[in-house]
Amino acid sequence: MPGTSEDNGGELTAVSVQLNAEMLAAVDRLVDHHSIETRPEAIRLILKRWLTENQMLRLNEEGKRPEELNASNDG
């Protein structure tokens, strides 16, 4: 299907996003300085982190979030 692909999280749907020059440069720096291959991958990572941190997206990962870790559950 046009505009879709697969990744580890399932089927992806293409969306169009317009960024100003400053934001695009920041995304490019993220790609250049980390093990990120493309702008779309970087934008997905940024959005996933923001949605998770703002409790709008739950990850299906086992374990505790860093802020939930303490001496009593250090194993």
PDB file of N, CA and C in Angstrom:
ATOM      1  N   MET A   1       0.845  -1.180   0.000  1.00  0.00           N
ATOM      2  CA  MET A   1       0.000   0.000   0.000  1.00  0.00           C
ATOM      3  C   MET A   1       0.890   1.243   0.000  1.00  0.00           C
ATOM      4  N   PRO A   2       0.614   2.223  -0.839  1.00  0.00           N
ATOM      5  CA  PRO A   2       1.439   3.432  -0.872  1.00  0.00           C
ATOM      6  C   PRO A   2       1.401   4.156   0.465  1.00  0.00           C
ATOM      7  N   GLY A   3       2.567   4.661   0.877  1.00  0.00           N
ATOM      8  CA  GLY A   3       2.639   5.443   2.104  1.00  0.00           C
ATOM      9  C   GLY A   3       2.748   4.626   3.369  1.00  0.00           C
ATOM     10  N   THR A   4       2.907   3.311   3.244  1.00  0.00           N
ATOM     11  CA  THR A   4       3.068   2.487   4.434  1.00  0.00           C
ATOM     12  C   THR A   4       4.330   1.651   4.327  1.00  0.00           C
ATOM     13  N   SER A   5       4.862   1.262   5.464  1.00  0.00           N
ATOM     14  CA  SER A   5       6.005   0.363   5.534  1.00  0.00           C
ATOM     15  C   SER A   5       5.961  -0.324   6.885  1.00  0.00           C
ATOM     16  N   GLU A   6       6.927  -1.166   7.145  1.00  0.00           N
ATOM     17  CA  GLU A   6       6.970  -1.906   8.413  1.00  0.00           C
ATOM     18  C   GLU A   6       8.189  -1.503   9.226  1.00  0.00           C
ATOM     19  N   ASP A   7       8.062  -1.521  10.548  1.00  0.00           N
ATOM     20  CA  ASP A   7       9.208  -1.419  11.448  1.00  0.00           C
ATOM     21  C   ASP A   7       8.942  -2.335  12.617  1.00  0.00           C
ATOM     22  N   ASN A   8       9.781  -2.288  13.628  1.00  0.00           N
ATOM     23  CA  ASN A   8       9.629  -3.181  14.772  1.00  0.00           C
ATOM     24  C   ASN A   8       8.309  -2.998  15.499  1.00  0.00           C
ATOM     25  N   GLY A   9       7.719  -1.815  15.392  1.00  0.00           N
ATOM     26  CA  GLY A   9       6.476  -1.532  16.096  1.00  0.00           C
ATOM     27  C   GLY A   9       5.239  -1.797  15.264  1.00  0.00           C
ATOM     28  N   GLY A  10       5.381  -2.330  14.054  1.00  0.00           N
ATOM     29  CA  GLY A  10       4.231  -2.625  13.212  1.00  0.00           C
ATOM     30  C   GLY A  10       4.219  -1.774  11.962  1.00  0.00           C
ATOM     31  N   GLU A  11       3.062  -1.731  11.332  1.00  0.00           N
ATOM     32  CA  GLU A  11       2.914  -0.989  10.086  1.00  0.00           C
ATOM     33  C   GLU A  11       3.022   0.511  10.319  1.00  0.00           C
ATOM     34  N   LEU A  12       3.722   1.183   9.435  1.00  0.00           N
ATOM     35  CA  LEU A  12       3.888   2.630   9.508  1.00  0.00           C
ATOM     36  C   LEU A  12       3.066   3.291   8.407  1.00  0.00           C
ATOM     37  N   THR A  13       2.490   4.445   8.712  1.00  0.00           N
ATOM     38  CA  THR A  13       1.758   5.233   7.728  1.00  0.00           C
ATOM     39  C   THR A  13       2.500   6.540   7.525  1.00  0.00           C
ATOM     40  N   ALA A  14       2.722   6.904   6.275  1.00  0.00           N
ATOM     41  CA  ALA A  14       3.445   8.139   5.963  1.00  0.00           C
ATOM     42  C   ALA A  14       2.584   9.358   6.281  1.00  0.00           C
ATOM     43  N   VAL A  15       3.213  10.365   6.879  1.00  0.00           N
ATOM     44  CA  VAL A  15       2.583  11.657   7.120  1.00  0.00           C
ATOM     45  C   VAL A  15       3.555  12.743   6.668  1.00  0.00           C
ATOM     46  N   SER A  16       3.026  13.881   6.339  1.00  0.00           N
ATOM     47  CA  SER A  16       3.863  14.995   5.906  1.00  0.00           C
ATOM     48  C   SER A  16       3.974  15.995   7.049  1.00  0.00           C
ATOM     49  N   VAL A  17       5.199  16.427   7.327  1.00  0.00           N
ATOM     50  CA  VAL A  17       5.444  17.385   8.398  1.00  0.00           C
ATOM     51  C   VAL A  17       6.293  18.522   7.839  1.00  0.00           C
ATOM     52  N   GLN A  18       5.916  19.734   8.145  1.00  0.00           N
ATOM     53  CA  GLN A  18       6.703  20.889   7.725  1.00  0.00           C
ATOM     54  C   GLN A  18       7.450  21.433   8.936  1.00  0.00           C
ATOM     55  N   LEU A  19       8.770  21.603   8.777  1.00  0.00           N
ATOM     56  CA  LEU A  19       9.618  22.100   9.853  1.00  0.00           C
ATOM     57  C   LEU A  19      10.324  23.362   9.392  1.00  0.00           C
ATOM     58  N   ASN A  20      10.532  24.287  10.328  1.00  0.00           N
ATOM     59  CA  ASN A  20      11.320  25.465   9.968  1.00  0.00           C
ATOM     60  C   ASN A  20      12.799  25.074   9.920  1.00  0.00           C
ATOM     61  N   ALA A  21      13.619  25.951   9.425  1.00  0.00           N
ATOM     62  CA  ALA A  21      15.037  25.642   9.217  1.00  0.00           C
ATOM     63  C   ALA A  21      15.739  25.254  10.519  1.00  0.00           C
ATOM     64  N   GLU A  22      15.407  25.921  11.618  1.00  0.00           N
ATOM     65  CA  GLU A  22      16.048  25.628  12.904  1.00  0.00           C
ATOM     66  C   GLU A  22      15.710  24.215  13.391  1.00  0.00           C
ATOM     67  N   MET A  23      14.440  23.824  13.266  1.00  0.00           N
ATOM     68  CA  MET A  23      14.037  22.487  13.688  1.00  0.00           C
ATOM     69  C   MET A  23      14.652  21.418  12.792  1.00  0.00           C
ATOM     70  N   LEU A  24      14.687  21.674  11.491  1.00  0.00           N
ATOM     71  CA  LEU A  24      15.279  20.712  10.565  1.00  0.00           C
ATOM     72  C   LEU A  24      16.771  20.531  10.839  1.00  0.00           C
ATOM     73  N   ALA A  25      17.452  21.625  11.134  1.00  0.00           N
ATOM     74  CA  ALA A  25      18.876  21.540  11.474  1.00  0.00           C
ATOM     75  C   ALA A  25      19.079  20.714  12.751  1.00  0.00           C
ATOM     76  N   ALA A  26      18.186  20.867  13.721  1.00  0.00           N
ATOM     77  CA  ALA A  26      18.288  20.094  14.959  1.00  0.00           C
ATOM     78  C   ALA A  26      18.074  18.603  14.696  1.00  0.00           C
ATOM     79  N   VAL A  27      17.116  18.272  13.843  1.00  0.00           N
ATOM     80  CA  VAL A  27      16.885  16.873  13.473  1.00  0.00           C
ATOM     81  C   VAL A  27      18.117  16.321  12.767  1.00  0.00           C
ATOM     82  N   ASP A  28      18.686  17.105  11.868  1.00  0.00           N
ATOM     83  CA  ASP A  28      19.893  16.666  11.156  1.00  0.00           C
ATOM     84  C   ASP A  28      21.060  16.453  12.111  1.00  0.00           C
ATOM     85  N   ARG A  29      21.190  17.295  13.130  1.00  0.00           N
ATOM     86  CA  ARG A  29      22.256  17.095  14.125  1.00  0.00           C
ATOM     87  C   ARG A  29      22.037  15.790  14.880  1.00  0.00           C
ATOM     88  N   LEU A  30      20.783  15.505  15.212  1.00  0.00           N
ATOM     89  CA  LEU A  30      20.465  14.260  15.895  1.00  0.00           C
ATOM     90  C   LEU A  30      20.873  13.067  15.037  1.00  0.00           C
ATOM     91  N   VAL A  31      20.549  13.116  13.759  1.00  0.00           N
ATOM     92  CA  VAL A  31      20.913  12.036  12.833  1.00  0.00           C
ATOM     93  C   VAL A  31      22.434  11.910  12.739  1.00  0.00           C
ATOM     94  N   ASP A  32      23.121  13.040  12.610  1.00  0.00           N
ATOM     95  CA  ASP A  32      24.574  13.029  12.433  1.00  0.00           C
ATOM     96  C   ASP A  32      25.337  12.541  13.669  1.00  0.00           C
ATOM     97  N   HIS A  33      24.821  12.813  14.859  1.00  0.00           N
ATOM     98  CA  HIS A  33      25.569  12.545  16.090  1.00  0.00           C
ATOM     99  C   HIS A  33      25.141  11.266  16.810  1.00  0.00           C
ATOM    100  N   HIS A  34      24.160  10.567  16.280  1.00  0.00           N
ATOM    101  CA  HIS A  34      23.695   9.333  16.906  1.00  0.00           C
ATOM    102  C   HIS A  34      23.577   8.248  15.840  1.00  0.00           C
ATOM    103  N   SER A  35      23.285   7.069  16.244  1.00  0.00           N
ATOM    104  CA  SER A  35      23.153   5.951  15.298  1.00  0.00           C
ATOM    105  C   SER A  35      21.757   5.929  14.692  1.00  0.00           C
ATOM    106  N   ILE A  36      21.391   7.028  14.076  1.00  0.00           N
ATOM    107  CA  ILE A  36      20.085   7.165  13.437  1.00  0.00           C
ATOM    108  C   ILE A  36      20.346   7.347  11.946  1.00  0.00           C
ATOM    109  N   GLU A  37      19.653   6.573  11.124  1.00  0.00           N
ATOM    110  CA  GLU A  37      19.968   6.566   9.702  1.00  0.00           C
ATOM    111  C   GLU A  37      19.252   7.642   8.893  1.00  0.00           C
ATOM    112  N   THR A  38      18.028   8.011   9.294  1.00  0.00           N
ATOM    113  CA  THR A  38      17.235   8.914   8.461  1.00  0.00           C
ATOM    114  C   THR A  38      16.496   9.953   9.297  1.00  0.00           C
ATOM    115  N   ARG A  39      16.082  11.022   8.640  1.00  0.00           N
ATOM    116  CA  ARG A  39      15.246  12.021   9.306  1.00  0.00           C
ATOM    117  C   ARG A  39      13.930  11.419   9.811  1.00  0.00           C
ATOM    118  N   PRO A  40      13.218  10.620   8.990  1.00  0.00           N
ATOM    119  CA  PRO A  40      11.967  10.040   9.495  1.00  0.00           C
ATOM    120  C   PRO A  40      12.177   9.201  10.757  1.00  0.00           C
ATOM    121  N   GLU A  41      13.270   8.438  10.802  1.00  0.00           N
ATOM    122  CA  GLU A  41      13.552   7.643  11.997  1.00  0.00           C
ATOM    123  C   GLU A  41      13.774   8.556  13.200  1.00  0.00           C
ATOM    124  N   ALA A  42      14.514   9.638  13.011  1.00  0.00           N
ATOM    125  CA  ALA A  42      14.771  10.581  14.097  1.00  0.00           C
ATOM    126  C   ALA A  42      13.466  11.209  14.588  1.00  0.00           C
ATOM    127  N   ILE A  43      12.615  11.605  13.663  1.00  0.00           N
ATOM    128  CA  ILE A  43      11.343  12.226  14.046  1.00  0.00           C
ATOM    129  C   ILE A  43      10.462  11.222  14.777  1.00  0.00           C
ATOM    130  N   ARG A  44      10.443   9.945  14.333  1.00  0.00           N
ATOM    131  CA  ARG A  44       9.683   8.913  15.052  1.00  0.00           C
ATOM    132  C   ARG A  44      10.198   8.763  16.474  1.00  0.00           C
ATOM    133  N   LEU A  45      11.530   8.739  16.645  1.00  0.00           N
ATOM    134  CA  LEU A  45      12.113   8.593  17.986  1.00  0.00           C
ATOM    135  C   LEU A  45      11.758   9.772  18.889  1.00  0.00           C
ATOM    136  N   ILE A  46      11.844  10.976  18.345  1.00  0.00           N
ATOM    137  CA  ILE A  46      11.499  12.180  19.113  1.00  0.00           C
ATOM    138  C   ILE A  46      10.037  12.130  19.543  1.00  0.00           C
ATOM    139  N   LEU A  47       9.160  11.808  18.605  1.00  0.00           N
ATOM    140  CA  LEU A  47       7.729  11.783  18.899  1.00  0.00           C
ATOM    141  C   LEU A  47       7.388  10.670  19.884  1.00  0.00           C
ATOM    142  N   LYS A  48       7.993   9.505  19.700  1.00  0.00           N
ATOM    143  CA  LYS A  48       7.740   8.386  20.614  1.00  0.00           C
ATOM    144  C   LYS A  48       8.162   8.743  22.032  1.00  0.00           C
ATOM    145  N   ARG A  49       9.328   9.370  22.164  1.00  0.00           N
ATOM    146  CA  ARG A  49       9.803   9.757  23.503  1.00  0.00           C
ATOM    147  C   ARG A  49       8.866  10.790  24.138  1.00  0.00           C
ATOM    148  N   TRP A  50       8.468  11.792  23.369  1.00  0.00           N
ATOM    149  CA  TRP A  50       7.585  12.827  23.912  1.00  0.00           C
ATOM    150  C   TRP A  50       6.240  12.224  24.323  1.00  0.00           C
ATOM    151  N   LEU A  51       5.663  11.394  23.464  1.00  0.00           N
ATOM    152  CA  LEU A  51       4.372  10.778  23.777  1.00  0.00           C
ATOM    153  C   LEU A  51       4.464   9.868  24.991  1.00  0.00           C
ATOM    154  N   THR A  52       5.565   9.155  25.128  1.00  0.00           N
ATOM    155  CA  THR A  52       5.751   8.273  26.278  1.00  0.00           C
ATOM    156  C   THR A  52       5.936   9.082  27.554  1.00  0.00           C
ATOM    157  N   GLU A  53       6.788  10.096  27.502  1.00  0.00           N
ATOM    158  CA  GLU A  53       7.040  10.924  28.685  1.00  0.00           C
ATOM    159  C   GLU A  53       5.799  11.672  29.134  1.00  0.00           C
ATOM    160  N   ASN A  54       4.906  11.985  28.218  1.00  0.00           N
ATOM    161  CA  ASN A  54       3.671  12.699  28.554  1.00  0.00           C
ATOM    162  C   ASN A  54       2.495  11.747  28.727  1.00  0.00           C
ATOM    163  N   GLN A  55       2.795  10.472  28.889  1.00  0.00           N
ATOM    164  CA  GLN A  55       1.826   9.421  29.188  1.00  0.00           C
ATOM    165  C   GLN A  55       0.693   9.363  28.169  1.00  0.00           C
ATOM    166  N   MET A  56       1.025   9.615  26.915  1.00  0.00           N
ATOM    167  CA  MET A  56       0.045   9.498  25.843  1.00  0.00           C
ATOM    168  C   MET A  56       0.275   8.236  25.029  1.00  0.00           C
ATOM    169  N   LEU A  57       1.380   7.536  25.317  1.00  0.00           N
ATOM    170  CA  LEU A  57       1.723   6.300  24.625  1.00  0.00           C
ATOM    171  C   LEU A  57       2.362   5.370  25.628  1.00  0.00           C
ATOM    172  N   ARG A  58       1.832   4.163  25.719  1.00  0.00           N
ATOM    173  CA  ARG A  58       2.418   3.156  26.603  1.00  0.00           C
ATOM    174  C   ARG A  58       3.227   2.198  25.767  1.00  0.00           C
ATOM    175  N   LEU A  59       4.428   1.933  26.198  1.00  0.00           N
ATOM    176  CA  LEU A  59       5.275   0.983  25.511  1.00  0.00           C
ATOM    177  C   LEU A  59       4.985  -0.416  26.035  1.00  0.00           C
ATOM    178  N   ASN A  60       5.043  -1.390  25.169  1.00  0.00           N
ATOM    179  CA  ASN A  60       4.819  -2.776  25.564  1.00  0.00           C
ATOM    180  C   ASN A  60       6.131  -3.443  25.927  1.00  0.00           C
ATOM    181  N   GLU A  61       6.933  -2.748  26.696  1.00  0.00           N
ATOM    182  CA  GLU A  61       8.218  -3.273  27.108  1.00  0.00           C
ATOM    183  C   GLU A  61       8.141  -3.696  28.565  1.00  0.00           C
ATOM    184  N   GLU A  62       8.862  -4.757  28.882  1.00  0.00           N
ATOM    185  CA  GLU A  62       8.921  -5.206  30.266  1.00  0.00           C
ATOM    186  C   GLU A  62       9.909  -4.357  31.036  1.00  0.00           C
ATOM    187  N   GLY A  63       9.760  -4.371  32.329  1.00  0.00           N
ATOM    188  CA  GLY A  63      10.703  -3.656  33.172  1.00  0.00           C
ATOM    189  C   GLY A  63      10.126  -2.361  33.706  1.00  0.00           C
ATOM    190  N   LYS A  64      10.934  -1.656  34.425  1.00  0.00           N
ATOM    191  CA  LYS A  64      10.522  -0.404  35.051  1.00  0.00           C
ATOM    192  C   LYS A  64      11.130   0.773  34.322  1.00  0.00           C
ATOM    193  N   ARG A  65      10.421   1.884  34.359  1.00  0.00           N
ATOM    194  CA  ARG A  65      10.936   3.121  33.808  1.00  0.00           C
ATOM    195  C   ARG A  65      12.039   3.627  34.733  1.00  0.00           C
ATOM    196  N   PRO A  66      13.001   4.378  34.215  1.00  0.00           N
ATOM    197  CA  PRO A  66      14.111   4.851  35.054  1.00  0.00           C
ATOM    198  C   PRO A  66      13.665   5.557  36.325  1.00  0.00           C
ATOM    199  N   GLU A  67      12.624   6.365  36.245  1.00  0.00           N
ATOM    200  CA  GLU A  67      12.180   7.093  37.449  1.00  0.00           C
ATOM    201  C   GLU A  67      11.528   6.179  38.486  1.00  0.00           C
ATOM    202  N   GLU A  68      11.195   4.937  38.094  1.00  0.00           N
ATOM    203  CA  GLU A  68      10.620   3.986  39.032  1.00  0.00           C
ATOM    204  C   GLU A  68      11.677   3.138  39.733  1.00  0.00           C
ATOM    205  N   LEU A  69      12.921   3.219  39.290  1.00  0.00           N
ATOM    206  CA  LEU A  69      14.006   2.422  39.868  1.00  0.00           C
ATOM    207  C   LEU A  69      14.453   2.999  41.195  1.00  0.00           C
ATOM    208  N   ASN A  70      14.711   2.107  42.161  1.00  0.00           N
ATOM    209  CA  ASN A  70      15.234   2.522  43.460  1.00  0.00           C
ATOM    210  C   ASN A  70      15.942   1.333  44.089  1.00  0.00           C
ATOM    211  N   ALA A  71      16.474   1.522  45.275  1.00  0.00           N
ATOM    212  CA  ALA A  71      17.256   0.480  45.928  1.00  0.00           C
ATOM    213  C   ALA A  71      16.415  -0.778  46.206  1.00  0.00           C
ATOM    214  N   SER A  72      15.110  -0.620  46.431  1.00  0.00           N
ATOM    215  CA  SER A  72      14.276  -1.785  46.775  1.00  0.00           C
ATOM    216  C   SER A  72      13.998  -2.667  45.562  1.00  0.00           C
ATOM    217  N   ASN A  73      14.095  -2.146  44.343  1.00  0.00           N
ATOM    218  CA  ASN A  73      13.839  -2.984  43.173  1.00  0.00           C
ATOM    219  C   ASN A  73      15.079  -3.171  42.299  1.00  0.00           C
ATOM    220  N   ASP A  74      16.229  -2.876  42.882  1.00  0.00           N
ATOM    221  CA  ASP A  74      17.494  -3.061  42.161  1.00  0.00           C
ATOM    222  C   ASP A  74      17.839  -4.535  42.164  1.00  0.00           C
ATOM    223  N   GLY A  75      17.817  -5.144  41.009  1.00  0.00           N
ATOM    224  CA  GLY A  75      18.049  -6.579  41.003  1.00  0.00           C
ATOM    225  C   GLY A  75      19.066  -6.985  40.056  1.00  0.00           C
TER     226      GLY A  75
END
